[in-house]
């Protein structure tokens, strides 16, 4: 099993949307991946998880997936 954690910082405005609107859009798109990739065992997507530490990031996703055989 592999665990992968990604955190990222978003621009205040991108593609005409605010930071939190883009974070919500990313979250909704990422949450479709388990239906498309059977190796993903678990996916957690959170936004604004580090509000008190904005220098570290705006959003985070964690996933576990099985190794290919």
N, C-alpha and C. Protein backbone atom coordinates (compact mmCIF):
# COMPACT_ATOMS: atom_id res chain seq x y z
N UNK A 1 0.85 -1.18 0.00
CA UNK A 1 0.00 0.00 0.00
C UNK A 1 0.89 1.23 0.00
N UNK A 2 0.49 2.23 -0.72
CA UNK A 2 1.22 3.49 -0.81
C UNK A 2 0.31 4.59 -0.26
N UNK A 3 0.88 5.48 0.53
CA UNK A 3 0.15 6.65 1.01
C UNK A 3 0.80 7.88 0.40
N UNK A 4 0.00 8.75 -0.15
CA UNK A 4 0.49 9.94 -0.83
C UNK A 4 -0.22 11.15 -0.24
N UNK A 5 0.55 12.16 0.16
CA UNK A 5 -0.02 13.38 0.73
C UNK A 5 0.48 14.56 -0.09
N UNK A 6 -0.44 15.42 -0.50
CA UNK A 6 -0.09 16.60 -1.27
C UNK A 6 -0.75 17.81 -0.64
N UNK A 7 0.02 18.88 -0.48
CA UNK A 7 -0.52 20.14 0.02
C UNK A 7 -0.15 21.22 -0.98
N UNK A 8 -1.02 22.17 -1.17
CA UNK A 8 -0.69 23.22 -2.10
C UNK A 8 -1.29 24.54 -1.67
N UNK A 9 -0.71 25.62 -2.20
CA UNK A 9 -1.14 26.98 -1.93
C UNK A 9 -1.74 27.53 -3.22
N UNK A 10 -2.89 28.14 -3.11
CA UNK A 10 -3.59 28.68 -4.28
C UNK A 10 -3.45 30.20 -4.33
N UNK A 11 -3.51 30.73 -5.55
CA UNK A 11 -3.52 32.18 -5.72
C UNK A 11 -4.84 32.73 -5.20
N UNK A 12 -4.83 33.98 -4.79
CA UNK A 12 -6.07 34.60 -4.30
C UNK A 12 -7.16 34.60 -5.36
N UNK A 13 -6.78 34.85 -6.63
CA UNK A 13 -7.73 34.83 -7.75
C UNK A 13 -7.05 34.12 -8.92
N UNK A 14 -7.76 33.17 -9.51
CA UNK A 14 -7.27 32.48 -10.71
C UNK A 14 -8.48 32.05 -11.54
N UNK A 15 -8.38 32.21 -12.84
CA UNK A 15 -9.47 31.86 -13.75
C UNK A 15 -10.78 32.55 -13.38
N UNK A 16 -10.68 33.75 -12.83
CA UNK A 16 -11.87 34.52 -12.49
C UNK A 16 -12.58 34.07 -11.22
N UNK A 17 -11.97 33.13 -10.48
CA UNK A 17 -12.57 32.63 -9.24
C UNK A 17 -11.64 32.90 -8.07
N UNK A 18 -12.22 33.04 -6.89
CA UNK A 18 -11.44 33.23 -5.68
C UNK A 18 -10.78 31.94 -5.21
N UNK A 19 -9.86 32.09 -4.28
CA UNK A 19 -9.09 30.96 -3.75
C UNK A 19 -9.97 29.84 -3.24
N UNK A 20 -10.94 30.14 -2.42
CA UNK A 20 -11.77 29.09 -1.83
C UNK A 20 -12.71 28.46 -2.86
N UNK A 21 -13.17 29.25 -3.83
CA UNK A 21 -14.01 28.69 -4.89
C UNK A 21 -13.20 27.70 -5.73
N UNK A 22 -11.95 28.05 -6.04
CA UNK A 22 -11.09 27.13 -6.78
C UNK A 22 -10.76 25.89 -5.95
N UNK A 23 -10.56 26.07 -4.65
CA UNK A 23 -10.28 24.92 -3.78
C UNK A 23 -11.48 23.96 -3.79
N UNK A 24 -12.68 24.49 -3.72
CA UNK A 24 -13.88 23.65 -3.74
C UNK A 24 -14.01 22.92 -5.09
N UNK A 25 -13.66 23.59 -6.17
CA UNK A 25 -13.71 22.98 -7.49
C UNK A 25 -12.69 21.84 -7.60
N UNK A 26 -11.49 22.08 -7.11
CA UNK A 26 -10.46 21.04 -7.10
C UNK A 26 -10.92 19.85 -6.27
N UNK A 27 -11.48 20.14 -5.11
CA UNK A 27 -11.97 19.08 -4.21
C UNK A 27 -13.01 18.22 -4.92
N UNK A 28 -13.98 18.85 -5.56
CA UNK A 28 -15.04 18.08 -6.21
C UNK A 28 -14.49 17.24 -7.36
N UNK A 29 -13.52 17.76 -8.07
CA UNK A 29 -12.93 16.98 -9.18
C UNK A 29 -12.08 15.82 -8.67
N UNK A 30 -11.30 16.07 -7.64
CA UNK A 30 -10.47 15.00 -7.08
C UNK A 30 -11.32 13.87 -6.51
N UNK A 31 -12.46 14.22 -5.93
CA UNK A 31 -13.31 13.20 -5.32
C UNK A 31 -13.94 12.25 -6.34
N UNK A 32 -13.84 12.56 -7.62
CA UNK A 32 -14.34 11.64 -8.65
C UNK A 32 -13.32 10.56 -9.00
N UNK A 33 -12.07 10.73 -8.57
CA UNK A 33 -11.02 9.81 -8.98
C UNK A 33 -11.20 8.35 -8.53
N UNK A 34 -11.67 8.08 -7.30
CA UNK A 34 -11.81 6.67 -6.91
C UNK A 34 -12.72 5.87 -7.85
N UNK A 35 -13.71 6.49 -8.43
CA UNK A 35 -14.59 5.79 -9.36
C UNK A 35 -13.88 5.49 -10.68
N UNK A 36 -12.84 6.26 -10.98
CA UNK A 36 -12.12 6.08 -12.23
C UNK A 36 -10.85 5.24 -12.08
N UNK A 37 -10.29 5.22 -10.88
CA UNK A 37 -9.01 4.53 -10.63
C UNK A 37 -9.23 3.51 -9.51
N UNK A 38 -9.44 2.25 -9.84
CA UNK A 38 -9.78 1.25 -8.83
C UNK A 38 -8.68 1.03 -7.78
N UNK A 39 -7.44 1.38 -8.09
CA UNK A 39 -6.35 1.20 -7.13
C UNK A 39 -6.42 2.17 -5.95
N UNK A 40 -7.19 3.23 -6.09
CA UNK A 40 -7.34 4.17 -4.97
C UNK A 40 -8.24 3.53 -3.93
N UNK A 41 -7.67 3.26 -2.78
CA UNK A 41 -8.43 2.62 -1.69
C UNK A 41 -9.16 3.64 -0.84
N UNK A 42 -8.55 4.81 -0.69
CA UNK A 42 -9.16 5.85 0.16
C UNK A 42 -8.64 7.20 -0.31
N UNK A 43 -9.51 8.17 -0.36
CA UNK A 43 -9.14 9.52 -0.76
C UNK A 43 -9.79 10.50 0.20
N UNK A 44 -9.00 11.41 0.73
CA UNK A 44 -9.50 12.47 1.59
C UNK A 44 -9.03 13.79 1.01
N UNK A 45 -9.94 14.71 0.80
CA UNK A 45 -9.59 16.03 0.28
C UNK A 45 -10.16 17.05 1.26
N UNK A 46 -9.30 17.95 1.72
CA UNK A 46 -9.73 18.99 2.65
C UNK A 46 -9.26 20.33 2.13
N UNK A 47 -10.04 21.35 2.36
CA UNK A 47 -9.64 22.70 1.97
C UNK A 47 -9.57 23.58 3.21
N UNK A 48 -8.67 24.56 3.14
CA UNK A 48 -8.47 25.52 4.23
C UNK A 48 -8.15 24.81 5.53
N UNK A 49 -7.39 23.73 5.45
CA UNK A 49 -7.06 22.95 6.64
C UNK A 49 -6.00 23.62 7.49
N UNK A 50 -5.29 24.57 6.92
CA UNK A 50 -4.21 25.23 7.64
C UNK A 50 -4.44 26.73 7.74
N UNK A 51 -5.66 27.11 8.06
CA UNK A 51 -5.99 28.54 8.11
C UNK A 51 -5.05 29.29 9.05
N UNK A 52 -4.65 28.65 10.13
CA UNK A 52 -3.76 29.33 11.09
C UNK A 52 -2.32 29.36 10.61
N UNK A 53 -1.99 28.56 9.61
CA UNK A 53 -0.63 28.52 9.06
C UNK A 53 -0.68 28.68 7.55
N UNK A 54 -1.21 29.79 7.09
CA UNK A 54 -1.42 30.03 5.66
C UNK A 54 -0.13 29.88 4.86
N UNK A 55 1.03 30.05 5.50
CA UNK A 55 2.29 29.93 4.78
C UNK A 55 2.56 28.49 4.34
N UNK A 56 1.88 27.53 4.93
CA UNK A 56 2.11 26.12 4.58
C UNK A 56 1.17 25.60 3.50
N UNK A 57 0.06 26.23 3.27
CA UNK A 57 -0.82 25.77 2.21
C UNK A 57 -2.28 26.04 2.48
N UNK A 58 -3.08 25.93 1.42
CA UNK A 58 -4.51 26.17 1.49
C UNK A 58 -5.32 24.89 1.46
N UNK A 59 -4.77 23.86 0.88
CA UNK A 59 -5.54 22.63 0.70
C UNK A 59 -4.61 21.43 0.79
N UNK A 60 -5.23 20.29 1.03
CA UNK A 60 -4.46 19.07 1.20
C UNK A 60 -5.28 17.90 0.69
N UNK A 61 -4.62 16.96 0.05
CA UNK A 61 -5.29 15.70 -0.25
C UNK A 61 -4.39 14.57 0.15
N UNK A 62 -5.02 13.54 0.68
CA UNK A 62 -4.32 12.33 1.13
C UNK A 62 -5.02 11.16 0.48
N UNK A 63 -4.23 10.26 -0.05
CA UNK A 63 -4.84 9.07 -0.60
C UNK A 63 -3.99 7.87 -0.35
N UNK A 64 -4.65 6.74 -0.27
CA UNK A 64 -4.00 5.45 -0.13
C UNK A 64 -4.39 4.64 -1.35
N UNK A 65 -3.44 3.98 -1.94
CA UNK A 65 -3.79 3.11 -3.03
C UNK A 65 -2.92 1.88 -3.03
N UNK A 66 -3.46 0.83 -3.62
CA UNK A 66 -2.76 -0.44 -3.64
C UNK A 66 -1.70 -0.42 -4.74
N UNK A 67 -0.69 -1.23 -4.53
CA UNK A 67 0.35 -1.36 -5.55
C UNK A 67 -0.19 -2.18 -6.71
N UNK A 68 0.27 -1.85 -7.87
CA UNK A 68 -0.08 -2.67 -9.04
C UNK A 68 0.67 -3.98 -8.95
N UNK A 69 0.02 -5.05 -9.36
CA UNK A 69 0.68 -6.36 -9.32
C UNK A 69 1.19 -6.74 -10.68
